[in-house]
Amino acid sequence: MAVYDDARGLLAHELFSQVELHRIFGGVVPELASRDHVRRLLPLVKSALSLAATAPVELSGVVYTAGPGLIGALLTGAALGRSLAYGWRIPALGVHHLEGHLLAPLLEPEAPDFPHLALLVSGGHTMLIEVRAVGSYVILGQTRDDAAGEAFDKTAKLLGLPYPGGPELAQLALSGRPGVFTFPRPMLDRAGLEFSFSGLKTAVLHAVRACELTTAVKADIAYAVQDAIVETLVTKALRGLEETGLDTLVVSGGVGANKALRARMRAAVEARGGRVFYPRLEFCTDNAAMIAVAGLKRLAAGQHSGLAIEARAQWPLDALEAL
C-alpha cells in the first residue's frame, strides 16, 4: 500500500512480503497468495494512511493493480480498491502492472525525460520498449519463451538455493570464478531485439547433471549464468539504443536490482554517451508506490474505472491508451 501526493511525492508505502509463506514450496502457490492477500490488505491500508498522516476524506482516488498476473491475487486487490473508492465516494482506477514498473523511476528525485528506451526485466517478462510518453509504448522485442528472471530462479533451484532464487544466486556468484563454465548468450548471434532463455536453462541443467555440486562448483555455475544473462541484456539494450537513436535507458523490474547488471549496463551505456536510470532497489520488485505514480497520471487525465470489479490475467501493454 502507498499514499502519494502530486505535490509532496510519496508520503508512505507499506509492504508485507509473502516470501516465507511460499518458501517451503519453492515458488508462489496462487491459492495461498490470494488468501493471504485477504488477511493483509486492510491492515496495510490503515498502516499506510497512518504513516502518511492522511485521512480518507483527503484522498482524491484509489488505484490498484488490475493485471496482468495471478487472477486470484489481482481480484482481492481489485475488490478492495473498488470497494474503498465506492465507500469514500472517490474515483477508482485499475492500473497495468507493467506500466507501474515502467514509471517507477518517476519516484526518484531525478527522473528520465520522454522519449526513452526501457528494459523491463523480471521473473515473468523480458522486454525492450520504446517509451514515448505515459501510455505510449512500442514493444521492440521480448522473450520468445522464458524470462531472464525465470532463468535466474530455475538455476538457483537446480543448485539447491532457497526461494526466491535470483538474489540468492547473485550472492553466490560473488565467490564464483570466471571461465570455469561458459553458457550460451541466447540470440546474440542474430539481428533483432528479441530474447530467449530456454536454451540457457537447458545448458545449465546439463552442466549440473554432469558434475559434483560442491560449494565451489555451485558458485562457478552461478557466476557463469549471471555473466551470460547480464551480457545478453546489456548487448540487446545497446542494440536497442542504436536502432532507436535514443540515448536514455531505463532498467526496471525485479532483475533490475541485480548489482552486476547495474554496474555493467551503466558502464556500457555511459561509454556511448548515454544515461541509465533505475528505480531504487526497493522499487524494482513489485510495490504500491509505482502503481500510485502510474495511477495518478491517469486519474489526473480524467480516467477512472466503472463500478465493476475487474482484473485481467492477460493484458497487452501496447493496448493502453496514451495520455
Foldseek 3Di string as FASTA:
>chain_A
DWDADPVPGTQFFDDDDCQVVCFVVLDDDLVVLLVVCLVPVVVRVVVNCVSSVHDLLPDQEFEAAQDADRNSNNLSGLVVRLVSCVVSVHFYAHDHQVLLQVCLLVRDPDRDDPFDWEFEAEQAWTWIWGRHARLAIDTFEIEPDGTLNVLQQLLQVLLVHIPPRNVVLLVLLVLADPPPDAFDQPPPVDDGQYHYCPRRSVVSVVVSVVDDNDSHVSNNSSNNSVVSSLVNSLVSVVVVCVVVVHLEYEYAALCLLRPVSVVVNQVSSVVVVGHYTYRPNVRRYDTVSSSVVSVVVVVVVVDGDDSDRHHHNDDDSSVGDGD
